[in-house]
Structure formats: C-alpha cells, structure tokens
Amino acid sequence: MAERERPQRITIGFIGGQALAARVLPDELTKLRNALGSTGWHDVAAEDGTIAIDLEKVAYVIAEHEEHRVGFGT
C-alpha cells in the first residue's frame, strides 16, 4: 500500500514540442488521465506546487513505472 502513495515521475508533452516533468501522486495522475480529451484548464498537484495545464495543448503523458537506480546495487 505504501508503494501506491509514492510520488511518480511523469512527463507531459505539449503540442509544439515543449515538455514538463513533474512528480505526482498516483491519484493526481489518474485525474489527469481522466481529464485528457477535455477542453479548458486542469490543475495538477505536484511535489513542487500546482501546475495549471491547458488540456487542448497536451500531446502526450509519460508515466514512469519504476524508480531509476544508479550503480550496481539492489
């Protein structure tokens, strides 16, 4: 259960080529995915603050599943 509550890294790509990386809780990612395809603005609560996104400009959302590790350890 604690695994679900960890922030997850996402990248939101916009029409025109810009991209925005953020860390959000799984519930916020679900809310964003449900809002895609709609029009208007959507607020996403991220670790660093609230991000206001124009849904009509979103081209893609990438959600990383695993935490990246550096080195050869476990």
PDB file of N, CA and C in Angstrom:
ATOM      1  N   MET A   1       0.821  -1.195   0.000  1.00  0.00           N
ATOM      2  CA  MET A   1       0.000   0.000   0.000  1.00  0.00           C
ATOM      3  C   MET A   1       0.867   1.262   0.000  1.00  0.00           C
ATOM      4  N   ALA A   2       1.979   1.241   0.729  1.00  0.00           N
ATOM      5  CA  ALA A   2       2.854   2.419   0.760  1.00  0.00           C
ATOM      6  C   ALA A   2       3.431   2.705  -0.620  1.00  0.00           C
ATOM      7  N   GLU A   3       3.608   1.655  -1.428  1.00  0.00           N
ATOM      8  CA  GLU A   3       4.132   1.826  -2.780  1.00  0.00           C
ATOM      9  C   GLU A   3       3.215   2.715  -3.611  1.00  0.00           C
ATOM     10  N   ARG A   4       1.911   2.618  -3.412  1.00  0.00           N
ATOM     11  CA  ARG A   4       0.950   3.405  -4.168  1.00  0.00           C
ATOM     12  C   ARG A   4       1.022   4.889  -3.816  1.00  0.00           C
ATOM     13  N   GLU A   5       1.437   5.203  -2.628  1.00  0.00           N
ATOM     14  CA  GLU A   5       1.422   6.593  -2.166  1.00  0.00           C
ATOM     15  C   GLU A   5       2.691   7.356  -2.523  1.00  0.00           C
ATOM     16  N   ARG A   6       3.653   6.695  -3.133  1.00  0.00           N
ATOM     17  CA  ARG A   6       4.883   7.375  -3.528  1.00  0.00           C
ATOM     18  C   ARG A   6       4.634   8.248  -4.747  1.00  0.00           C
ATOM     19  N   PRO A   7       5.230   9.415  -4.779  1.00  0.00           N
ATOM     20  CA  PRO A   7       5.122  10.238  -5.994  1.00  0.00           C
ATOM     21  C   PRO A   7       5.745   9.516  -7.186  1.00  0.00           C
ATOM     22  N   GLN A   8       5.156   9.754  -8.326  1.00  0.00           N
ATOM     23  CA  GLN A   8       5.591   9.117  -9.556  1.00  0.00           C
ATOM     24  C   GLN A   8       6.042  10.196 -10.525  1.00  0.00           C
ATOM     25  N   ARG A   9       7.126   9.943 -11.238  1.00  0.00           N
ATOM     26  CA  ARG A   9       7.622  10.919 -12.202  1.00  0.00           C
ATOM     27  C   ARG A   9       6.810  10.806 -13.487  1.00  0.00           C
ATOM     28  N   ILE A  10       6.324  11.943 -13.962  1.00  0.00           N
ATOM     29  CA  ILE A  10       5.607  11.991 -15.223  1.00  0.00           C
ATOM     30  C   ILE A  10       6.218  13.078 -16.107  1.00  0.00           C
ATOM     31  N   THR A  11       6.012  12.941 -17.393  1.00  0.00           N
ATOM     32  CA  THR A  11       6.388  13.969 -18.340  1.00  0.00           C
ATOM     33  C   THR A  11       5.160  14.277 -19.182  1.00  0.00           C
ATOM     34  N   ILE A  12       4.803  15.549 -19.248  1.00  0.00           N
ATOM     35  CA  ILE A  12       3.665  15.987 -20.046  1.00  0.00           C
ATOM     36  C   ILE A  12       4.224  16.715 -21.256  1.00  0.00           C
ATOM     37  N   GLY A  13       3.911  16.203 -22.442  1.00  0.00           N
ATOM     38  CA  GLY A  13       4.375  16.807 -23.672  1.00  0.00           C
ATOM     39  C   GLY A  13       3.273  17.650 -24.287  1.00  0.00           C
ATOM     40  N   PHE A  14       3.659  18.781 -24.828  1.00  0.00           N
ATOM     41  CA  PHE A  14       2.690  19.718 -25.389  1.00  0.00           C
ATOM     42  C   PHE A  14       2.871  19.853 -26.891  1.00  0.00           C
ATOM     43  N   ILE A  15       1.800  20.188 -27.573  1.00  0.00           N
ATOM     44  CA  ILE A  15       1.859  20.474 -29.000  1.00  0.00           C
ATOM     45  C   ILE A  15       2.862  21.611 -29.189  1.00  0.00           C
ATOM     46  N   GLY A  16       3.766  21.450 -30.110  1.00  0.00           N
ATOM     47  CA  GLY A  16       4.821  22.441 -30.323  1.00  0.00           C
ATOM     48  C   GLY A  16       6.159  21.948 -29.822  1.00  0.00           C
ATOM     49  N   GLY A  17       6.181  20.860 -29.046  1.00  0.00           N
ATOM     50  CA  GLY A  17       7.440  20.255 -28.644  1.00  0.00           C
ATOM     51  C   GLY A  17       7.886  20.467 -27.216  1.00  0.00           C
ATOM     52  N   GLN A  18       7.282  21.372 -26.480  1.00  0.00           N
ATOM     53  CA  GLN A  18       7.707  21.579 -25.091  1.00  0.00           C
ATOM     54  C   GLN A  18       7.267  20.388 -24.243  1.00  0.00           C
ATOM     55  N   ALA A  19       8.001  20.139 -23.163  1.00  0.00           N
ATOM     56  CA  ALA A  19       7.661  19.067 -22.233  1.00  0.00           C
ATOM     57  C   ALA A  19       7.899  19.554 -20.806  1.00  0.00           C
ATOM     58  N   LEU A  20       7.130  19.015 -19.888  1.00  0.00           N
ATOM     59  CA  LEU A  20       7.207  19.395 -18.484  1.00  0.00           C
ATOM     60  C   LEU A  20       7.294  18.126 -17.649  1.00  0.00           C
ATOM     61  N   ALA A  21       8.327  18.011 -16.818  1.00  0.00           N
ATOM     62  CA  ALA A  21       8.482  16.875 -15.918  1.00  0.00           C
ATOM     63  C   ALA A  21       7.993  17.270 -14.535  1.00  0.00           C
ATOM     64  N   ALA A  22       7.343  16.323 -13.861  1.00  0.00           N
ATOM     65  CA  ALA A  22       6.836  16.581 -12.516  1.00  0.00           C
ATOM     66  C   ALA A  22       6.738  15.259 -11.760  1.00  0.00           C
ATOM     67  N   ARG A  23       6.641  15.360 -10.443  1.00  0.00           N
ATOM     68  CA  ARG A  23       6.405  14.181  -9.596  1.00  0.00           C
ATOM     69  C   ARG A  23       5.042  14.373  -8.947  1.00  0.00           C
ATOM     70  N   VAL A  24       4.156  13.393  -9.180  1.00  0.00           N
ATOM     71  CA  VAL A  24       2.785  13.479  -8.685  1.00  0.00           C
ATOM     72  C   VAL A  24       2.386  12.164  -8.026  1.00  0.00           C
ATOM     73  N   LEU A  25       1.399  12.235  -7.149  1.00  0.00           N
ATOM     74  CA  LEU A  25       0.851  11.025  -6.547  1.00  0.00           C
ATOM     75  C   LEU A  25      -0.004  10.294  -7.580  1.00  0.00           C
ATOM     76  N   PRO A  26      -0.165   8.996  -7.424  1.00  0.00           N
ATOM     77  CA  PRO A  26      -0.957   8.217  -8.388  1.00  0.00           C
ATOM     78  C   PRO A  26      -2.368   8.758  -8.610  1.00  0.00           C
ATOM     79  N   ASP A  27      -3.022   9.266  -7.577  1.00  0.00           N
ATOM     80  CA  ASP A  27      -4.376   9.821  -7.735  1.00  0.00           C
ATOM     81  C   ASP A  27      -4.376  11.024  -8.672  1.00  0.00           C
ATOM     82  N   GLU A  28      -3.341  11.845  -8.601  1.00  0.00           N
ATOM     83  CA  GLU A  28      -3.256  13.011  -9.486  1.00  0.00           C
ATOM     84  C   GLU A  28      -3.054  12.587 -10.937  1.00  0.00           C
ATOM     85  N   LEU A  29      -2.255  11.546 -11.138  1.00  0.00           N
ATOM     86  CA  LEU A  29      -2.062  11.029 -12.489  1.00  0.00           C
ATOM     87  C   LEU A  29      -3.376  10.492 -13.046  1.00  0.00           C
ATOM     88  N   THR A  30      -4.138   9.799 -12.230  1.00  0.00           N
ATOM     89  CA  THR A  30      -5.445   9.279 -12.652  1.00  0.00           C
ATOM     90  C   THR A  30      -6.382  10.417 -13.022  1.00  0.00           C
ATOM     91  N   LYS A  31      -6.416  11.464 -12.214  1.00  0.00           N
ATOM     92  CA  LYS A  31      -7.271  12.622 -12.513  1.00  0.00           C
ATOM     93  C   LYS A  31      -6.872  13.271 -13.834  1.00  0.00           C
ATOM     94  N   LEU A  32      -5.552  13.402 -14.069  1.00  0.00           N
ATOM     95  CA  LEU A  32      -5.080  13.989 -15.313  1.00  0.00           C
ATOM     96  C   LEU A  32      -5.482  13.127 -16.503  1.00  0.00           C
ATOM     97  N   ARG A  33      -5.282  11.827 -16.395  1.00  0.00           N
ATOM     98  CA  ARG A  33      -5.648  10.928 -17.494  1.00  0.00           C
ATOM     99  C   ARG A  33      -7.142  11.004 -17.794  1.00  0.00           C
ATOM    100  N   ASN A  34      -7.947  11.083 -16.762  1.00  0.00           N
ATOM    101  CA  ASN A  34      -9.399  11.178 -16.961  1.00  0.00           C
ATOM    102  C   ASN A  34      -9.794  12.499 -17.620  1.00  0.00           C
ATOM    103  N   ALA A  35      -9.018  13.546 -17.393  1.00  0.00           N
ATOM    104  CA  ALA A  35      -9.331  14.865 -17.958  1.00  0.00           C
ATOM    105  C   ALA A  35      -8.864  15.005 -19.406  1.00  0.00           C
ATOM    106  N   LEU A  36      -7.917  14.172 -19.836  1.00  0.00           N
ATOM    107  CA  LEU A  36      -7.409  14.276 -21.206  1.00  0.00           C
ATOM    108  C   LEU A  36      -8.540  14.100 -22.212  1.00  0.00           C
ATOM    109  N   GLY A  37      -8.491  14.875 -23.257  1.00  0.00           N
ATOM    110  CA  GLY A  37      -9.553  14.855 -24.257  1.00  0.00           C
ATOM    111  C   GLY A  37     -10.616  15.901 -24.005  1.00  0.00           C
ATOM    112  N   SER A  38     -10.567  16.505 -22.825  1.00  0.00           N
ATOM    113  CA  SER A  38     -11.487  17.593 -22.478  1.00  0.00           C
ATOM    114  C   SER A  38     -10.888  18.914 -22.947  1.00  0.00           C
ATOM    115  N   THR A  39     -11.637  19.972 -22.747  1.00  0.00           N
ATOM    116  CA  THR A  39     -11.132  21.304 -23.061  1.00  0.00           C
ATOM    117  C   THR A  39     -11.009  22.097 -21.774  1.00  0.00           C
ATOM    118  N   GLY A  40     -10.268  23.189 -21.840  1.00  0.00           N
ATOM    119  CA  GLY A  40     -10.112  24.058 -20.678  1.00  0.00           C
ATOM    120  C   GLY A  40      -8.864  23.732 -19.893  1.00  0.00           C
ATOM    121  N   TRP A  41      -8.817  24.269 -18.695  1.00  0.00           N
ATOM    122  CA  TRP A  41      -7.648  24.149 -17.840  1.00  0.00           C
ATOM    123  C   TRP A  41      -7.870  23.078 -16.783  1.00  0.00           C
ATOM    124  N   HIS A  42      -6.773  22.399 -16.416  1.00  0.00           N
ATOM    125  CA  HIS A  42      -6.815  21.361 -15.383  1.00  0.00           C
ATOM    126  C   HIS A  42      -5.633  21.590 -14.442  1.00  0.00           C
ATOM    127  N   ASP A  43      -5.881  21.581 -13.142  1.00  0.00           N
ATOM    128  CA  ASP A  43      -4.816  21.732 -12.146  1.00  0.00           C
ATOM    129  C   ASP A  43      -4.290  20.364 -11.731  1.00  0.00           C
ATOM    130  N   VAL A  44      -2.975  20.240 -11.685  1.00  0.00           N
ATOM    131  CA  VAL A  44      -2.314  19.023 -11.242  1.00  0.00           C
ATOM    132  C   VAL A  44      -1.483  19.378 -10.014  1.00  0.00           C
ATOM    133  N   ALA A  45      -1.731  18.700  -8.901  1.00  0.00           N
ATOM    134  CA  ALA A  45      -0.957  18.920  -7.675  1.00  0.00           C
ATOM    135  C   ALA A  45       0.316  18.089  -7.765  1.00  0.00           C
ATOM    136  N   ALA A  46       1.462  18.763  -7.830  1.00  0.00           N
ATOM    137  CA  ALA A  46       2.767  18.107  -7.922  1.00  0.00           C
ATOM    138  C   ALA A  46       3.563  18.397  -6.657  1.00  0.00           C
ATOM    139  N   GLU A  47       4.700  17.737  -6.513  1.00  0.00           N
ATOM    140  CA  GLU A  47       5.546  17.954  -5.335  1.00  0.00           C
ATOM    141  C   GLU A  47       5.976  19.408  -5.189  1.00  0.00           C
ATOM    142  N   ASP A  48       6.244  20.071  -6.303  1.00  0.00           N
ATOM    143  CA  ASP A  48       6.753  21.438  -6.265  1.00  0.00           C
ATOM    144  C   ASP A  48       5.675  22.509  -6.280  1.00  0.00           C
ATOM    145  N   GLY A  49       4.415  22.120  -6.413  1.00  0.00           N
ATOM    146  CA  GLY A  49       3.331  23.090  -6.456  1.00  0.00           C
ATOM    147  C   GLY A  49       2.250  22.650  -7.426  1.00  0.00           C
ATOM    148  N   THR A  50       1.303  23.518  -7.667  1.00  0.00           N
ATOM    149  CA  THR A  50       0.198  23.216  -8.559  1.00  0.00           C
ATOM    150  C   THR A  50       0.540  23.658  -9.976  1.00  0.00           C
ATOM    151  N   ILE A  51       0.280  22.763 -10.930  1.00  0.00           N
ATOM    152  CA  ILE A  51       0.536  23.044 -12.340  1.00  0.00           C
ATOM    153  C   ILE A  51      -0.804  23.199 -13.041  1.00  0.00           C
ATOM    154  N   ALA A  52      -1.016  24.327 -13.705  1.00  0.00           N
ATOM    155  CA  ALA A  52      -2.236  24.554 -14.491  1.00  0.00           C
ATOM    156  C   ALA A  52      -1.925  24.192 -15.943  1.00  0.00           C
ATOM    157  N   ILE A  53      -2.695  23.263 -16.488  1.00  0.00           N
ATOM    158  CA  ILE A  53      -2.429  22.733 -17.824  1.00  0.00           C
ATOM    159  C   ILE A  53      -3.619  23.007 -18.736  1.00  0.00           C
ATOM    160  N   ASP A  54      -3.346  23.546 -19.921  1.00  0.00           N
ATOM    161  CA  ASP A  54      -4.367  23.720 -20.948  1.00  0.00           C
ATOM    162  C   ASP A  54      -4.508  22.373 -21.647  1.00  0.00           C
ATOM    163  N   LEU A  55      -5.595  21.666 -21.382  1.00  0.00           N
ATOM    164  CA  LEU A  55      -5.779  20.306 -21.870  1.00  0.00           C
ATOM    165  C   LEU A  55      -5.763  20.200 -23.392  1.00  0.00           C
ATOM    166  N   GLU A  56      -6.157  21.256 -24.070  1.00  0.00           N
ATOM    167  CA  GLU A  56      -6.177  21.227 -25.533  1.00  0.00           C
ATOM    168  C   GLU A  56      -4.774  21.211 -26.130  1.00  0.00           C
ATOM    169  N   LYS A  57      -3.765  21.541 -25.339  1.00  0.00           N
ATOM    170  CA  LYS A  57      -2.386  21.619 -25.827  1.00  0.00           C
ATOM    171  C   LYS A  57      -1.558  20.380 -25.495  1.00  0.00           C
ATOM    172  N   VAL A  58      -2.132  19.426 -24.735  1.00  0.00           N
ATOM    173  CA  VAL A  58      -1.387  18.234 -24.326  1.00  0.00           C
ATOM    174  C   VAL A  58      -1.312  17.247 -25.486  1.00  0.00           C
ATOM    175  N   ALA A  59      -0.089  16.829 -25.819  1.00  0.00           N
ATOM    176  CA  ALA A  59       0.121  15.849 -26.887  1.00  0.00           C
ATOM    177  C   ALA A  59       0.317  14.443 -26.312  1.00  0.00           C
ATOM    178  N   TYR A  60       0.980  14.341 -25.138  1.00  0.00           N
ATOM    179  CA  TYR A  60       1.207  13.026 -24.533  1.00  0.00           C
ATOM    180  C   TYR A  60       1.514  13.171 -23.050  1.00  0.00           C
ATOM    181  N   VAL A  61       1.383  12.046 -22.330  1.00  0.00           N
ATOM    182  CA  VAL A  61       1.785  11.957 -20.927  1.00  0.00           C
ATOM    183  C   VAL A  61       2.552  10.651 -20.771  1.00  0.00           C
ATOM    184  N   ILE A  62       3.769  10.745 -20.259  1.00  0.00           N
ATOM    185  CA  ILE A  62       4.579   9.559 -19.981  1.00  0.00           C
ATOM    186  C   ILE A  62       4.627   9.392 -18.466  1.00  0.00           C
ATOM    187  N   ALA A  63       4.318   8.191 -17.993  1.00  0.00           N
ATOM    188  CA  ALA A  63       4.389   7.881 -16.565  1.00  0.00           C
ATOM    189  C   ALA A  63       5.430   6.792 -16.371  1.00  0.00           C
ATOM    190  N   GLU A  64       6.459   7.084 -15.607  1.00  0.00           N
ATOM    191  CA  GLU A  64       7.488   6.089 -15.331  1.00  0.00           C
ATOM    192  C   GLU A  64       6.980   5.130 -14.266  1.00  0.00           C
ATOM    193  N   HIS A  65       7.237   3.857 -14.467  1.00  0.00           N
ATOM    194  CA  HIS A  65       6.736   2.835 -13.546  1.00  0.00           C
ATOM    195  C   HIS A  65       7.705   2.477 -12.442  1.00  0.00           C
ATOM    196  N   GLU A  66       8.987   2.521 -12.737  1.00  0.00           N
ATOM    197  CA  GLU A  66       9.980   2.147 -11.739  1.00  0.00           C
ATOM    198  C   GLU A  66      10.883   3.306 -11.422  1.00  0.00           C
ATOM    199  N   GLU A  67      11.363   3.316 -10.209  1.00  0.00           N
ATOM    200  CA  GLU A  67      12.338   4.313  -9.801  1.00  0.00           C
ATOM    201  C   GLU A  67      13.692   3.922 -10.376  1.00  0.00           C
ATOM    202  N   HIS A  68      14.382   4.847 -11.009  1.00  0.00           N
ATOM    203  CA  HIS A  68      15.689   4.564 -11.584  1.00  0.00           C
ATOM    204  C   HIS A  68      16.727   4.519 -10.481  1.00  0.00           C
ATOM    205  N   ARG A  69      17.651   3.592 -10.633  1.00  0.00           N
ATOM    206  CA  ARG A  69      18.727   3.450  -9.647  1.00  0.00           C
ATOM    207  C   ARG A  69      20.061   3.639 -10.347  1.00  0.00           C
ATOM    208  N   VAL A  70      21.016   4.189  -9.608  1.00  0.00           N
ATOM    209  CA  VAL A  70      22.364   4.381 -10.152  1.00  0.00           C
ATOM    210  C   VAL A  70      23.275   3.351  -9.518  1.00  0.00           C
ATOM    211  N   GLY A  71      24.126   2.731 -10.315  1.00  0.00           N
ATOM    212  CA  GLY A  71      25.086   1.767  -9.786  1.00  0.00           C
ATOM    213  C   GLY A  71      24.642   0.339  -9.956  1.00  0.00           C
ATOM    214  N   PHE A  72      25.382  -0.553  -9.285  1.00  0.00           N
ATOM    215  CA  PHE A  72      25.146  -1.986  -9.446  1.00  0.00           C
ATOM    216  C   PHE A  72      24.443  -2.603  -8.252  1.00  0.00           C
ATOM    217  N   GLY A  73      24.113  -1.843  -7.236  1.00  0.00           N
ATOM    218  CA  GLY A  73      23.480  -2.385  -6.031  1.00  0.00           C
ATOM    219  C   GLY A  73      22.030  -2.745  -6.273  1.00  0.00           C
ATOM    220  N   THR A  74      21.383  -3.222  -5.243  1.00  0.00           N
ATOM    221  CA  THR A  74      19.981  -3.635  -5.329  1.00  0.00           C
ATOM    222  C   THR A  74      19.042  -2.463  -5.242  1.00  0.00           C
TER     223      THR A  74
END
